[in-house]
C-alpha atoms as a PDB file:
ATOM      1  CA  MET A   1       3.704  12.254  12.287  1.00  0.00           C
ATOM      2  CA  ALA A   2       1.445  12.518   9.308  1.00  0.00           C
ATOM      3  CA  SER A   3      -2.161  11.716   8.490  1.00  0.00           C
ATOM      4  CA  ILE A   4      -2.342   9.504   5.435  1.00  0.00           C
ATOM      5  CA  TRP A   5      -5.264   8.152   3.429  1.00  0.00           C
ATOM      6  CA  ILE A   6      -4.479   4.477   2.952  1.00  0.00           C
ATOM      7  CA  THR A   7      -5.828   3.078  -0.306  1.00  0.00           C
ATOM      8  CA  ASP A   8      -6.985  -0.446  -1.301  1.00  0.00           C
ATOM      9  CA  GLY A   9      -7.381  -1.120  -4.974  1.00  0.00           C
ATOM     10  CA  SER A  10      -8.155  -4.848  -4.780  1.00  0.00           C
ATOM     11  CA  VAL A  11     -11.414  -6.505  -5.879  1.00  0.00           C
ATOM     12  CA  PRO A  12     -12.828  -7.492  -2.461  1.00  0.00           C
ATOM     13  CA  VAL A  13     -15.070  -4.751  -0.941  1.00  0.00           C
ATOM     14  CA  PHE A  14     -14.296  -4.358   2.801  1.00  0.00           C
ATOM     15  CA  SER A  15     -16.700  -3.545   5.512  1.00  0.00           C
ATOM     16  CA  ASP A  16     -14.786  -0.662   7.296  1.00  0.00           C
ATOM     17  CA  THR A  17     -13.591   1.577   4.418  1.00  0.00           C
ATOM     18  CA  VAL A  18     -14.995   4.433   2.344  1.00  0.00           C
ATOM     19  CA  ARG A  19     -15.650   3.313  -1.119  1.00  0.00           C
ATOM     20  CA  LEU A  20     -14.809   5.969  -3.831  1.00  0.00           C
ATOM     21  CA  GLU A  21     -16.275   6.477  -7.309  1.00  0.00           C
ATOM     22  CA  ALA A  22     -12.794   6.531  -8.838  1.00  0.00           C
ATOM     23  CA  THR A  23     -11.680   3.297 -10.479  1.00  0.00           C
ATOM     24  CA  HIS A  24      -8.333   1.962 -11.653  1.00  0.00           C
ATOM     25  CA  ARG A  25      -7.291  -0.836 -14.102  1.00  0.00           C
ATOM     26  CA  GLY A  26      -7.560  -4.055 -12.207  1.00  0.00           C
ATOM     27  CA  MET A  27      -7.084  -7.731 -13.167  1.00  0.00           C
ATOM     28  CA  LEU A  28      -7.780  -8.537 -16.854  1.00  0.00           C
ATOM     29  CA  GLY A  29      -7.988  -4.732 -17.385  1.00  0.00           C
ATOM     30  CA  LEU A  30     -11.408  -4.496 -15.661  1.00  0.00           C
ATOM     31  CA  PRO A  31     -12.150  -1.393 -13.662  1.00  0.00           C
ATOM     32  CA  VAL A  32     -12.030  -1.662  -9.851  1.00  0.00           C
ATOM     33  CA  ARG A  33     -13.235   1.033  -7.509  1.00  0.00           C
ATOM     34  CA  TYR A  34     -10.807   2.383  -4.972  1.00  0.00           C
ATOM     35  CA  GLU A  35     -11.673   2.315  -1.210  1.00  0.00           C
ATOM     36  CA  GLY A  36      -9.758   3.323   1.943  1.00  0.00           C
ATOM     37  CA  PHE A  37      -9.510   5.140   5.208  1.00  0.00           C
ATOM     38  CA  VAL A  38      -7.324   7.660   6.993  1.00  0.00           C
ATOM     39  CA  ASP A  39      -4.567   6.492   9.298  1.00  0.00           C
ATOM     40  CA  PRO A  40      -4.186   9.570  11.464  1.00  0.00           C
ATOM     41  CA  ASP A  41      -0.770   8.938  13.005  1.00  0.00           C
ATOM     42  CA  VAL A  42       1.784   7.579  10.536  1.00  0.00           C
ATOM     43  CA  THR A  43       5.335   8.034  11.657  1.00  0.00           C
ATOM     44  CA  VAL A  44       7.800   9.722   9.270  1.00  0.00           C
ATOM     45  CA  GLY A  45      11.350   8.386   8.959  1.00  0.00           C
ATOM     46  CA  GLU A  46      11.676   5.769  11.622  1.00  0.00           C
ATOM     47  CA  THR A  47       9.269   3.827  13.873  1.00  0.00           C
ATOM     48  CA  SER A  48       8.808   0.656  15.809  1.00  0.00           C
ATOM     49  CA  VAL A  49       5.339  -1.051  16.138  1.00  0.00           C
ATOM     50  CA  ALA A  50       4.170  -3.817  18.391  1.00  0.00           C
ATOM     51  CA  GLY A  51       2.240  -6.784  17.122  1.00  0.00           C
ATOM     52  CA  GLY A  52       0.298  -9.559  18.837  1.00  0.00           C
ATOM     53  CA  ARG A  53       1.747 -12.861  19.764  1.00  0.00           C
ATOM     54  CA  ARG A  54       0.165 -14.482  16.730  1.00  0.00           C
ATOM     55  CA  ASP A  55       0.748 -11.621  14.303  1.00  0.00           C
ATOM     56  CA  VAL A  56       2.722 -11.804  11.049  1.00  0.00           C
ATOM     57  CA  LEU A  57       3.714  -8.609   9.496  1.00  0.00           C
ATOM     58  CA  PHE A  58       3.883  -8.209   5.637  1.00  0.00           C
ATOM     59  CA  VAL A  59       4.912  -4.966   3.957  1.00  0.00           C
ATOM     60  CA  GLU A  60       4.137  -3.300   0.596  1.00  0.00           C
ATOM     61  CA  ALA A  61       5.968  -0.664  -1.398  1.00  0.00           C
ATOM     62  CA  GLU A  62       3.528   2.174  -2.128  1.00  0.00           C
ATOM     63  CA  TRP A  63       3.688   5.746  -3.411  1.00  0.00           C
ATOM     64  CA  CYS A  64       2.095   8.676  -1.498  1.00  0.00           C
ATOM     65  CA  VAL A  65       0.906  11.941  -2.938  1.00  0.00           C
ATOM     66  CA  ALA A  66       0.986  15.356  -1.187  1.00  0.00           C
ATOM     67  CA  VAL A  67      -0.954  18.321  -2.734  1.00  0.00           C
ATOM     68  CA  PRO A  68      -0.304  22.036  -1.767  1.00  0.00           C
ATOM     69  CA  ASN A  69      -1.924  23.044   1.508  1.00  0.00           C
ATOM     70  CA  GLY A  70      -5.488  24.452   0.987  1.00  0.00           C
ATOM     71  CA  VAL A  71      -5.969  22.889  -2.404  1.00  0.00           C
ATOM     72  CA  SER A  72      -9.445  21.288  -2.562  1.00  0.00           C
ATOM     73  CA  ALA A  73      -9.886  21.004  -6.309  1.00  0.00           C
ATOM     74  CA  VAL A  74      -7.219  19.299  -8.495  1.00  0.00           C
ATOM     75  CA  ASP A  75      -6.554  18.819 -12.172  1.00  0.00           C
ATOM     76  CA  ALA A  76      -3.645  17.544 -14.314  1.00  0.00           C
ATOM     77  CA  ALA A  77      -1.573  20.713 -13.651  1.00  0.00           C
ATOM     78  CA  THR A  78      -1.756  20.419  -9.833  1.00  0.00           C
ATOM     79  CA  PRO A  79       1.771  20.340  -8.363  1.00  0.00           C
ATOM     80  CA  ILE A  80       2.521  17.452  -6.057  1.00  0.00           C
ATOM     81  CA  VAL A  81       5.189  15.674  -4.096  1.00  0.00           C
ATOM     82  CA  LEU A  82       5.666  11.953  -4.248  1.00  0.00           C
ATOM     83  CA  GLN A  83       7.206   9.946  -1.497  1.00  0.00           C
ATOM     84  CA  GLY A  84       7.466   6.255  -0.518  1.00  0.00           C
ATOM     85  CA  LEU A  85       5.434   4.433   2.141  1.00  0.00           C
ATOM     86  CA  VAL A  86       5.862   1.135   3.877  1.00  0.00           C
ATOM     87  CA  GLU A  87       2.270  -0.087   3.994  1.00  0.00           C
ATOM     88  CA  GLY A  88       2.097  -2.603   6.749  1.00  0.00           C
ATOM     89  CA  LYS A  89      -0.185  -5.652   6.852  1.00  0.00           C
ATOM     90  CA  TRP A  90      -0.931  -7.846   9.784  1.00  0.00           C
ATOM     91  CA  MET A  91      -1.698 -10.524   7.212  1.00  0.00           C
ATOM     92  CA  ASN A  92      -3.240 -13.001   9.687  1.00  0.00           C
ATOM     93  CA  ARG A  93      -5.819 -10.326  10.639  1.00  0.00           C
ATOM     94  CA  LEU A  94      -7.344 -10.587   7.138  1.00  0.00           C
ATOM     95  CA  LEU A  95      -8.569 -14.061   7.720  1.00  0.00           C
ATOM     96  CA  GLY A  96     -12.109 -14.840   8.581  1.00  0.00           C
ATOM     97  CA  THR A  97     -13.293 -11.198   8.252  1.00  0.00           C
ATOM     98  CA  ARG A  98     -14.303  -8.585   5.769  1.00  0.00           C
ATOM     99  CA  ALA A  99     -12.690  -5.888   7.796  1.00  0.00           C
ATOM    100  CA  TRP A 100      -9.504  -4.182   6.590  1.00  0.00           C
ATOM    101  CA  GLN A 101      -8.504  -1.655   9.149  1.00  0.00           C
ATOM    102  CA  PRO A 102      -7.249  -4.079  11.880  1.00  0.00           C
ATOM    103  CA  ALA A 103      -4.664  -5.402   9.357  1.00  0.00           C
ATOM    104  CA  SER A 104      -3.566  -1.957   8.019  1.00  0.00           C
ATOM    105  CA  LEU A 105      -3.902   0.641  10.688  1.00  0.00           C
ATOM    106  CA  GLY A 106      -1.048   1.763  12.905  1.00  0.00           C
ATOM    107  CA  ASN A 107       1.728  -0.265  11.131  1.00  0.00           C
ATOM    108  CA  ASN A 108       2.644   2.258   8.257  1.00  0.00           C
ATOM    109  CA  LEU A 109       5.750   4.346   7.747  1.00  0.00           C
ATOM    110  CA  LEU A 110       6.368   7.302   5.455  1.00  0.00           C
ATOM    111  CA  ALA A 111       9.888   7.929   4.236  1.00  0.00           C
ATOM    112  CA  ALA A 112      11.599  11.182   5.329  1.00  0.00           C
ATOM    113  CA  GLY A 113      13.023  13.451   2.693  1.00  0.00           C
ATOM    114  CA  GLU A 114      12.286  15.900  -0.033  1.00  0.00           C
ATOM    115  CA  GLY A 115      10.537  13.391  -2.344  1.00  0.00           C
ATOM    116  CA  ILE A 116       9.884  13.865  -6.013  1.00  0.00           C
ATOM    117  CA  ARG A 117       8.200  17.005  -7.330  1.00  0.00           C
ATOM    118  CA  THR A 118       5.970  16.729 -10.351  1.00  0.00           C
ATOM    119  CA  THR A 119       2.311  17.221 -11.341  1.00  0.00           C
ATOM    120  CA  LEU A 120      -0.697  14.842 -11.411  1.00  0.00           C
ATOM    121  CA  GLY A 121      -0.905  14.851 -15.148  1.00  0.00           C
ATOM    122  CA  ALA A 122       2.828  14.066 -15.532  1.00  0.00           C
ATOM    123  CA  LEU A 123       2.272  10.699 -13.818  1.00  0.00           C
ATOM    124  CA  GLU A 124       0.589   9.452 -17.091  1.00  0.00           C
ATOM    125  CA  ARG A 125       3.327  10.446 -19.525  1.00  0.00           C
ATOM    126  CA  GLU A 126       6.712  10.853 -17.844  1.00  0.00           C
ATOM    127  CA  GLY A 127       8.900  10.675 -14.791  1.00  0.00           C
ATOM    128  CA  THR A 128      11.239   8.079 -13.345  1.00  0.00           C
ATOM    129  CA  GLY A 129      11.745   7.071  -9.727  1.00  0.00           C
ATOM    130  CA  GLU A 130      11.500   4.077  -7.544  1.00  0.00           C
ATOM    131  CA  ILE A 131      10.585   2.851  -3.925  1.00  0.00           C
ATOM    132  CA  ARG A 132      12.600  -0.089  -2.668  1.00  0.00           C
ATOM    133  CA  ILE A 133      11.838  -2.111   0.559  1.00  0.00           C
ATOM    134  CA  LEU A 134      14.280  -4.649   1.994  1.00  0.00           C
ATOM    135  CA  TYR A 135      13.909  -6.923   5.066  1.00  0.00           C
ATOM    136  CA  ARG A 136      14.827 -10.354   6.411  1.00  0.00           C
ATOM    137  CA  ARG A 137      12.173 -12.981   6.294  1.00  0.00           C
ATOM    138  CA  ALA A 138      11.391 -15.549   8.898  1.00  0.00           C
ATOM    139  CA  ASP A 139      13.546 -18.013   6.862  1.00  0.00           C
ATOM    140  CA  LEU A 140      16.469 -15.469   7.128  1.00  0.00           C
ATOM    141  CA  ARG A 141      16.386 -14.804   3.330  1.00  0.00           C
ATOM    142  CA  THR A 142      16.312 -11.199   2.134  1.00  0.00           C
ATOM    143  CA  GLN A 143      12.936 -10.048   0.661  1.00  0.00           C
ATOM    144  CA  GLU A 144      12.649  -7.052  -1.700  1.00  0.00           C
ATOM    145  CA  TYR A 145       9.630  -5.100  -2.857  1.00  0.00           C
ATOM    146  CA  THR A 146       9.715  -2.264  -5.396  1.00  0.00           C
ATOM    147  CA  SER A 147       7.445   0.066  -7.260  1.00  0.00           C
ATOM    148  CA  SER A 148       8.406   2.592  -9.944  1.00  0.00           C
ATOM    149  CA  LEU A 149       6.728   5.760 -11.108  1.00  0.00           C
ATOM    150  CA  ARG A 150       5.939   3.836 -14.445  1.00  0.00           C
ATOM    151  CA  ASP A 151       3.641   1.546 -12.409  1.00  0.00           C
ATOM    152  CA  LEU A 152       1.435   4.527 -11.761  1.00  0.00           C
ATOM    153  CA  ARG A 153       0.539   5.068 -15.365  1.00  0.00           C
ATOM    154  CA  GLY A 154      -3.127   4.208 -16.156  1.00  0.00           C
ATOM    155  CA  GLN A 155      -4.029   3.909 -12.488  1.00  0.00           C
ATOM    156  CA  ASN A 156      -6.201   7.144 -12.344  1.00  0.00           C
ATOM    157  CA  VAL A 157      -4.215   8.790  -9.639  1.00  0.00           C
ATOM    158  CA  LEU A 158      -5.862  12.113 -10.456  1.00  0.00           C
ATOM    159  CA  GLY A 159      -9.385  10.553  -9.918  1.00  0.00           C
ATOM    160  CA  LEU A 160      -8.205   8.934  -6.691  1.00  0.00           C
ATOM    161  CA  VAL A 161      -6.757  12.200  -5.226  1.00  0.00           C
ATOM    162  CA  ARG A 162      -9.806  14.206  -6.302  1.00  0.00           C
ATOM    163  CA  ASP A 163     -12.265  11.682  -4.668  1.00  0.00           C
ATOM    164  CA  VAL A 164     -10.190  11.399  -1.403  1.00  0.00           C
ATOM    165  CA  LEU A 165     -10.135  15.169  -1.028  1.00  0.00           C
ATOM    166  CA  ALA A 166     -13.861  15.348  -1.653  1.00  0.00           C
ATOM    167  CA  ALA A 167     -14.579  12.510   0.851  1.00  0.00           C
ATOM    168  CA  CYS A 168     -12.419  14.108   3.567  1.00  0.00           C
ATOM    169  CA  GLY A 169     -13.924  17.481   3.191  1.00  0.00           C
ATOM    170  CA  SER A 170     -12.516  20.161   5.579  1.00  0.00           C
ATOM    171  CA  ALA A 171     -10.046  17.632   7.127  1.00  0.00           C
ATOM    172  CA  PRO A 172      -7.867  16.492   4.320  1.00  0.00           C
ATOM    173  CA  PRO A 173      -5.019  14.146   4.989  1.00  0.00           C
ATOM    174  CA  ASP A 174      -1.487  15.150   4.771  1.00  0.00           C
ATOM    175  CA  TRP A 175      -0.745  12.499   2.168  1.00  0.00           C
ATOM    176  CA  ILE A 176      -2.799  10.211  -0.105  1.00  0.00           C
ATOM    177  CA  ASP A 177      -1.345   6.670  -0.605  1.00  0.00           C
ATOM    178  CA  VAL A 178      -2.209   5.301  -4.048  1.00  0.00           C
ATOM    179  CA  GLY A 179      -1.961   1.672  -3.159  1.00  0.00           C
ATOM    180  CA  ALA A 180       0.361  -1.133  -4.251  1.00  0.00           C
ATOM    181  CA  ASN A 181       1.159  -0.711  -7.896  1.00  0.00           C
ATOM    182  CA  GLY A 182       3.297  -3.190  -9.909  1.00  0.00           C
ATOM    183  CA  THR A 183       3.749  -6.858  -9.785  1.00  0.00           C
ATOM    184  CA  ARG A 184       6.727  -6.412  -7.476  1.00  0.00           C
ATOM    185  CA  ALA A 185       5.186  -4.004  -4.965  1.00  0.00           C
ATOM    186  CA  ALA A 186       3.639  -6.587  -2.788  1.00  0.00           C
ATOM    187  CA  VAL A 187       3.119 -10.278  -2.247  1.00  0.00           C
ATOM    188  CA  VAL A 188      -0.588  -9.915  -3.094  1.00  0.00           C
ATOM    189  CA  ASN A 189       0.307  -8.464  -6.491  1.00  0.00           C
ATOM    190  CA  GLU A 190       2.410 -11.403  -7.697  1.00  0.00           C
ATOM    191  CA  PRO A 191       0.499 -12.832 -10.805  1.00  0.00           C
ATOM    192  CA  ARG A 192       1.150 -16.451  -9.926  1.00  0.00           C
ATOM    193  CA  ARG A 193      -0.351 -15.994  -6.537  1.00  0.00           C
ATOM    194  CA  ILE A 194      -3.429 -14.220  -7.760  1.00  0.00           C
ATOM    195  CA  LYS A 195      -3.938 -17.039 -10.331  1.00  0.00           C
ATOM    196  CA  ALA A 196      -3.494 -19.680  -7.693  1.00  0.00           C
ATOM    197  CA  SER A 197      -6.005 -18.071  -5.343  1.00  0.00           C
ATOM    198  CA  ALA A 198      -8.736 -18.609  -7.931  1.00  0.00           C
ATOM    199  CA  ARG A 199      -7.898 -22.284  -8.614  1.00  0.00           C
ATOM    200  CA  PRO A 200      -8.793 -25.041  -8.980  1.00  0.00           C
ATOM    201  CA  LEU A 201     -11.384 -24.298 -11.564  1.00  0.00           C
ATOM    202  CA  PRO A 202     -14.163 -24.803 -12.429  1.00  0.00           C
ATOM    203  CA  ASP A 203     -15.267 -24.382  -8.764  1.00  0.00           C
ATOM    204  CA  PRO A 204     -16.970 -20.949  -9.099  1.00  0.00           C
ATOM    205  CA  ARG A 205     -16.591 -20.299  -5.280  1.00  0.00           C
ATOM    206  CA  ASN A 206     -12.848 -19.657  -5.935  1.00  0.00           C
ATOM    207  CA  LEU A 207     -13.734 -16.673  -7.984  1.00  0.00           C
ATOM    208  CA  LEU A 208     -15.635 -14.977  -5.107  1.00  0.00           C
ATOM    209  CA  PRO A 209     -13.364 -12.004  -4.049  1.00  0.00           C
ATOM    210  CA  HIS A 210     -13.172 -12.694  -0.344  1.00  0.00           C
ATOM    211  CA  ARG A 211     -12.724 -16.395  -0.793  1.00  0.00           C
ATOM    212  CA  ALA A 212      -9.853 -15.739  -3.234  1.00  0.00           C
ATOM    213  CA  LYS A 213      -8.435 -13.281  -0.771  1.00  0.00           C
ATOM    214  CA  GLU A 214      -8.437 -15.845   2.072  1.00  0.00           C
ATOM    215  CA  ARG A 215      -6.701 -18.457  -0.168  1.00  0.00           C
ATOM    216  CA  LEU A 216      -4.059 -15.913  -1.242  1.00  0.00           C
ATOM    217  CA  VAL A 217      -3.409 -14.785   2.387  1.00  0.00           C
ATOM    218  CA  ARG A 218      -3.191 -18.384   3.751  1.00  0.00           C
ATOM    219  CA  ALA A 219      -0.675 -19.258   0.990  1.00  0.00           C
ATOM    220  CA  ALA A 220       1.519 -16.261   1.717  1.00  0.00           C
ATOM    221  CA  LEU A 221       1.468 -17.096   5.469  1.00  0.00           C
ATOM    222  CA  ASP A 222       2.292 -20.770   4.767  1.00  0.00           C
ATOM    223  CA  ASP A 223       5.338 -19.658   2.741  1.00  0.00           C
ATOM    224  CA  GLY A 224       6.849 -17.828   5.717  1.00  0.00           C
ATOM    225  CA  ILE A 225       7.797 -14.639   3.972  1.00  0.00           C
ATOM    226  CA  GLY A 226       6.635 -12.178   6.591  1.00  0.00           C
ATOM    227  CA  VAL A 227       9.060  -9.791   8.293  1.00  0.00           C
ATOM    228  CA  LEU A 228      11.263 -11.355  10.956  1.00  0.00           C
ATOM    229  CA  PRO A 229      10.467  -9.761  14.329  1.00  0.00           C
ATOM    230  CA  GLY A 230      13.249  -7.542  15.604  1.00  0.00           C
ATOM    231  CA  GLU A 231      14.714  -7.114  12.078  1.00  0.00           C
ATOM    232  CA  PRO A 232      14.552  -3.633  10.309  1.00  0.00           C
ATOM    233  CA  VAL A 233      12.429  -3.014   7.178  1.00  0.00           C
ATOM    234  CA  THR A 234      14.277  -0.375   5.237  1.00  0.00           C
ATOM    235  CA  LEU A 235      12.629   1.859   2.745  1.00  0.00           C
ATOM    236  CA  THR A 236      14.496   4.014   0.088  1.00  0.00           C
ATOM    237  CA  THR A 237      12.965   6.428  -2.482  1.00  0.00           C
ATOM    238  CA  THR A 238      15.043   7.495  -5.391  1.00  0.00           C
ATOM    239  CA  ASP A 239      14.339  10.043  -8.210  1.00  0.00           C
ATOM    240  CA  GLY A 240      15.023   9.780 -11.832  1.00  0.00           C
ATOM    241  CA  SER A 241      18.756  10.555 -11.395  1.00  0.00           C
ATOM    242  CA  GLY A 242      19.172   7.852  -8.775  1.00  0.00           C
ATOM    243  CA  ALA A 243      19.495  10.335  -5.958  1.00  0.00           C
ATOM    244  CA  VAL A 244      17.944   9.265  -2.655  1.00  0.00           C
ATOM    245  CA  VAL A 245      15.042  11.568  -1.841  1.00  0.00           C
ATOM    246  CA  GLY A 246      13.394   9.482   1.041  1.00  0.00           C
ATOM    247  CA  ARG A 247      14.505   7.053   3.687  1.00  0.00           C
ATOM    248  CA  GLY A 248      12.714   5.165   6.435  1.00  0.00           C
ATOM    249  CA  THR A 249      13.149   2.297   8.846  1.00  0.00           C
ATOM    250  CA  LEU A 250      10.372   0.208  10.527  1.00  0.00           C
ATOM    251  CA  LEU A 251      10.946  -2.338  13.287  1.00  0.00           C
ATOM    252  CA  TRP A 252       8.338  -4.536  14.764  1.00  0.00           C
ATOM    253  CA  GLU A 253       8.223  -6.742  17.994  1.00  0.00           C
ATOM    254  CA  ARG A 254       5.602  -9.148  19.300  1.00  0.00           C
ATOM    255  CA  GLY A 255       3.710  -8.044  22.256  1.00  0.00           C
ATOM    256  CA  PRO A 256       1.009  -9.357  24.635  1.00  0.00           C
ATOM    257  CA  SER A 257      -1.887  -8.524  22.245  1.00  0.00           C
ATOM    258  CA  CYS A 258      -4.526 -11.238  21.815  1.00  0.00           C
ATOM    259  CA  TYR A 259      -3.875 -11.278  17.998  1.00  0.00           C
END
């Protein structure tokens, strides 16, 4: 098990997260502040999770950063290890609320393996590697999400890590998730879906962050592209040479929960 800071880098501000000062490049190149929370019990390698009878699980391909034990101040030279994460989302739990944790807590999986060793500064100028997630959707088609190390350039990972360590104080998490980066990392990152969530214009209400979030979520649910219950979600992390440096499998089943 590992404790992991789960990061959100989207425009809506949620009611149950810690909002950081660090920003990254959001839509249209505008700065968006990071926010998040700590999931204290993330399984490493293989896990099964139980959802409610109405839950629909979506997953995102995300990178996690580990800094050396005892390090509280970081800079560009700080050595890190990178590993892949399945960031789970009970997508239906994002509707009608400004809370984020019920959708994203307790359904995450960190890949097991040696990961990729580099430095925080190197993320801005070099490095190759990839996370790949595969699963079968409710319509029985295969869905794939990917994120590469190139997707982390310009995302201020150094500032995010620095702020998370400061926010967590004497109880730093084992890993820091850096959110979904790249247009193929998550359904909510697909440009066509983001544009559709703000339309039709000129209705200004469709530009409100939480209203746009609701429209995006409902469209994704309507498309039936969530994970098929009982089918495995596989996660693979590869380094620049193509060698596998992380693997994981997540399985979910519906349970008696009221969700």
